[in-house]
Amino acid sequence: MASNDRFSRLAQQIGERLQEASHAPEEIQRSVQSVMRGAFDRMELVSREDFDILMDVLQRTRSRVEALERQVAALEAAVDAQSATPASPAVVAADTAAPPAEEAEGGTASQPSGIDSKRTDQGTGGDKTP
C-alpha cells in the first residue's frame, strides 16, 4: 500500500506542477522531471549500470564459494579416507621406535638444554620439587 500512496502523491504533485506551468512545455518537462527524480530518490532505486556491476560481483562471489565448497568436500573426503585406512606397518614401527638419545639421558627433546626438567614450580615462585 505504501507504493500506491507514493504514486498517488506523485500524480498529485505532477498535476500541481502542470497547473503552475500553464502551457510552457520546457517548464512542464523540468517540473515533471524534478518530481520524478524526487520520487525515484525516495524509492531507493539503483541504476542499471550499478545493478549490472553488482550482479557481476555476485556471480564471481558465487563461483568462488562453489569452488571453496568443492575444495572443502575434497579435503573432508581425504581426511575420511585417511582415517578409515589402517595405519601402515612403517607408521606403527616409527611410533614404537626407541626414544631419541636426549630423552634416554633424562632430558626431553622439546626442552632446550640447561633446563631442569624435574622442577615443576617454574613461574609459580615456590620451591616444590617432585
Foldseek 3Di string as FASTA:
>chain_A
DVVVVLVVVLVVQLVVQCVVVPPDVVSSVVSNVVSVVVSVVVVVDDDPVVVVVVVVVVVVVVVVVVVVVVVVVVVVVVVVVVVPDDDDPVVVCVVPDDADPQVVVPDHPVDDPPDDPQADCVPVPDRDGD
